[in-house]
Amino acid sequence: MSVRDLSLEQVQRWVVSFLILAVASFPLGALTAVSRTIADEGRRGDAALLLVVMAALGTLALGAIRMVHRRPPLSAWLVCGVLPAAAAAVVVLVV
């Protein structure tokens, strides 16, 4: 069995990465719920604005995670930060 040896610094980076992900995930869920409620009230423009905020928050979180791992923050992977907002847009604005 092959076990990858991680240094203390690498483990710390992964722990911080998961903390950033967790801290960013809670507001994304809350913004999804709020934008759904706002869209149900007929304020679709305001709901769309919250979805833009969600996309920005997701992108910033991924950029921060990349910086923790000493990678350049600008990358094609930042598109993944928009995915929660895109999924929420389908649920909130389309359904």
C-alpha atoms as a PDB file:
ATOM      1  CA  MET A   1       0.000   0.000   0.000  1.00  0.00           C
ATOM      2  CA  SER A   2       1.385   3.351  -1.033  1.00  0.00           C
ATOM      3  CA  VAL A   3       0.754   6.256   1.288  1.00  0.00           C
ATOM      4  CA  ARG A   4       1.648   9.747   0.193  1.00  0.00           C
ATOM      5  CA  ASP A   5       3.712  11.507   2.823  1.00  0.00           C
ATOM      6  CA  LEU A   6       2.538  15.023   3.448  1.00  0.00           C
ATOM      7  CA  SER A   7       4.557  17.614   5.254  1.00  0.00           C
ATOM      8  CA  LEU A   8       3.011  19.633   8.040  1.00  0.00           C
ATOM      9  CA  GLU A   9       2.877  22.669   5.766  1.00  0.00           C
ATOM     10  CA  GLN A  10       0.965  20.755   3.075  1.00  0.00           C
ATOM     11  CA  VAL A  11      -1.562  19.501   5.618  1.00  0.00           C
ATOM     12  CA  GLN A  12      -2.019  23.040   6.921  1.00  0.00           C
ATOM     13  CA  ARG A  13      -2.680  24.273   3.377  1.00  0.00           C
ATOM     14  CA  TRP A  14      -5.340  21.617   2.846  1.00  0.00           C
ATOM     15  CA  VAL A  15      -7.006  22.413   6.174  1.00  0.00           C
ATOM     16  CA  VAL A  16      -7.097  26.124   5.346  1.00  0.00           C
ATOM     17  CA  SER A  17      -8.466  25.290   1.885  1.00  0.00           C
ATOM     18  CA  PHE A  18     -11.321  23.289   3.376  1.00  0.00           C
ATOM     19  CA  LEU A  19     -12.026  26.092   5.853  1.00  0.00           C
ATOM     20  CA  ILE A  20     -12.235  28.624   3.030  1.00  0.00           C
ATOM     21  CA  LEU A  21     -14.550  26.293   1.151  1.00  0.00           C
ATOM     22  CA  ALA A  22     -16.777  25.784   4.187  1.00  0.00           C
ATOM     23  CA  VAL A  23     -16.935  29.477   5.056  1.00  0.00           C
ATOM     24  CA  ALA A  24     -17.803  30.362   1.450  1.00  0.00           C
ATOM     25  CA  SER A  25     -20.409  27.587   1.124  1.00  0.00           C
ATOM     26  CA  PHE A  26     -22.695  28.761   3.907  1.00  0.00           C
ATOM     27  CA  PRO A  27     -23.387  32.198   2.373  1.00  0.00           C
ATOM     28  CA  LEU A  28     -23.881  30.573  -1.038  1.00  0.00           C
ATOM     29  CA  GLY A  29     -26.648  28.401   0.360  1.00  0.00           C
ATOM     30  CA  ALA A  30     -28.222  31.311   2.193  1.00  0.00           C
ATOM     31  CA  LEU A  31     -28.101  33.509  -0.906  1.00  0.00           C
ATOM     32  CA  THR A  32     -29.771  30.743  -2.899  1.00  0.00           C
ATOM     33  CA  ALA A  33     -32.641  30.554  -0.413  1.00  0.00           C
ATOM     34  CA  VAL A  34     -33.032  34.328  -0.250  1.00  0.00           C
ATOM     35  CA  SER A  35     -32.921  34.739  -4.034  1.00  0.00           C
ATOM     36  CA  ARG A  36     -35.579  32.023  -4.402  1.00  0.00           C
ATOM     37  CA  THR A  37     -37.814  33.862  -1.933  1.00  0.00           C
ATOM     38  CA  ILE A  38     -37.228  37.188  -3.655  1.00  0.00           C
ATOM     39  CA  ALA A  39     -37.943  35.674  -7.088  1.00  0.00           C
ATOM     40  CA  ASP A  40     -41.195  34.172  -5.779  1.00  0.00           C
ATOM     41  CA  GLU A  41     -42.231  37.682  -4.699  1.00  0.00           C
ATOM     42  CA  GLY A  42     -41.785  38.863  -8.291  1.00  0.00           C
ATOM     43  CA  ARG A  43     -38.488  40.701  -7.801  1.00  0.00           C
ATOM     44  CA  ARG A  44     -36.488  38.737 -10.379  1.00  0.00           C
ATOM     45  CA  GLY A  45     -34.003  41.560 -10.961  1.00  0.00           C
ATOM     46  CA  ASP A  46     -33.004  41.574  -7.308  1.00  0.00           C
ATOM     47  CA  ALA A  47     -32.731  37.774  -7.340  1.00  0.00           C
ATOM     48  CA  ALA A  48     -30.452  37.978 -10.382  1.00  0.00           C
ATOM     49  CA  LEU A  49     -28.266  40.500  -8.564  1.00  0.00           C
ATOM     50  CA  LEU A  50     -27.892  38.088  -5.649  1.00  0.00           C
ATOM     51  CA  LEU A  51     -26.867  35.388  -8.111  1.00  0.00           C
ATOM     52  CA  VAL A  52     -24.136  37.702  -9.423  1.00  0.00           C
ATOM     53  CA  VAL A  53     -22.943  38.183  -5.834  1.00  0.00           C
ATOM     54  CA  MET A  54     -22.918  34.387  -5.456  1.00  0.00           C
ATOM     55  CA  ALA A  55     -20.774  34.019  -8.579  1.00  0.00           C
ATOM     56  CA  ALA A  56     -18.323  36.620  -7.303  1.00  0.00           C
ATOM     57  CA  LEU A  57     -18.109  34.964  -3.875  1.00  0.00           C
ATOM     58  CA  GLY A  58     -17.502  31.535  -5.404  1.00  0.00           C
ATOM     59  CA  THR A  59     -14.834  32.891  -7.710  1.00  0.00           C
ATOM     60  CA  LEU A  60     -13.085  34.727  -4.867  1.00  0.00           C
ATOM     61  CA  ALA A  61     -13.141  31.590  -2.718  1.00  0.00           C
ATOM     62  CA  LEU A  62     -11.490  29.523  -5.443  1.00  0.00           C
ATOM     63  CA  GLY A  63      -8.924  32.254  -6.030  1.00  0.00           C
ATOM     64  CA  ALA A  64      -8.116  32.290  -2.315  1.00  0.00           C
ATOM     65  CA  ILE A  65      -7.741  28.515  -2.270  1.00  0.00           C
ATOM     66  CA  ARG A  66      -5.354  28.695  -5.221  1.00  0.00           C
ATOM     67  CA  MET A  67      -3.313  31.336  -3.417  1.00  0.00           C
ATOM     68  CA  VAL A  68      -3.101  29.155  -0.308  1.00  0.00           C
ATOM     69  CA  HIS A  69      -1.575  26.431  -2.457  1.00  0.00           C
ATOM     70  CA  ARG A  70       0.865  28.946  -3.955  1.00  0.00           C
ATOM     71  CA  ARG A  71      -0.695  28.843  -7.389  1.00  0.00           C
ATOM     72  CA  PRO A  72      -1.542  31.905  -9.479  1.00  0.00           C
ATOM     73  CA  PRO A  73      -5.056  33.005  -8.556  1.00  0.00           C
ATOM     74  CA  LEU A  74      -6.075  33.670 -12.172  1.00  0.00           C
ATOM     75  CA  SER A  75      -6.785  30.386 -13.861  1.00  0.00           C
ATOM     76  CA  ALA A  76      -9.410  28.581 -15.890  1.00  0.00           C
ATOM     77  CA  TRP A  77     -10.389  26.826 -12.638  1.00  0.00           C
ATOM     78  CA  LEU A  78     -12.048  30.054 -11.492  1.00  0.00           C
ATOM     79  CA  VAL A  79     -14.927  29.221 -13.818  1.00  0.00           C
ATOM     80  CA  CYS A  80     -15.836  26.494 -11.303  1.00  0.00           C
ATOM     81  CA  GLY A  81     -16.591  29.270  -8.809  1.00  0.00           C
ATOM     82  CA  VAL A  82     -19.517  30.324 -10.986  1.00  0.00           C
ATOM     83  CA  LEU A  83     -21.073  26.843 -11.042  1.00  0.00           C
ATOM     84  CA  PRO A  84     -23.038  27.168  -7.757  1.00  0.00           C
ATOM     85  CA  ALA A  85     -24.518  30.453  -8.970  1.00  0.00           C
ATOM     86  CA  ALA A  86     -25.370  28.911 -12.344  1.00  0.00           C
ATOM     87  CA  ALA A  87     -27.105  25.976 -10.673  1.00  0.00           C
ATOM     88  CA  ALA A  88     -28.985  28.354  -8.384  1.00  0.00           C
ATOM     89  CA  ALA A  89     -29.985  30.474 -11.385  1.00  0.00           C
ATOM     90  CA  VAL A  90     -31.621  27.470 -12.991  1.00  0.00           C
ATOM     91  CA  VAL A  91     -33.524  26.690  -9.781  1.00  0.00           C
ATOM     92  CA  VAL A  92     -34.437  30.274  -8.960  1.00  0.00           C
ATOM     93  CA  LEU A  93     -35.115  31.902 -12.311  1.00  0.00           C
ATOM     94  CA  VAL A  94     -36.185  29.039 -14.558  1.00  0.00           C
ATOM     95  CA  VAL A  95     -38.146  26.670 -12.328  1.00  0.00           C
END
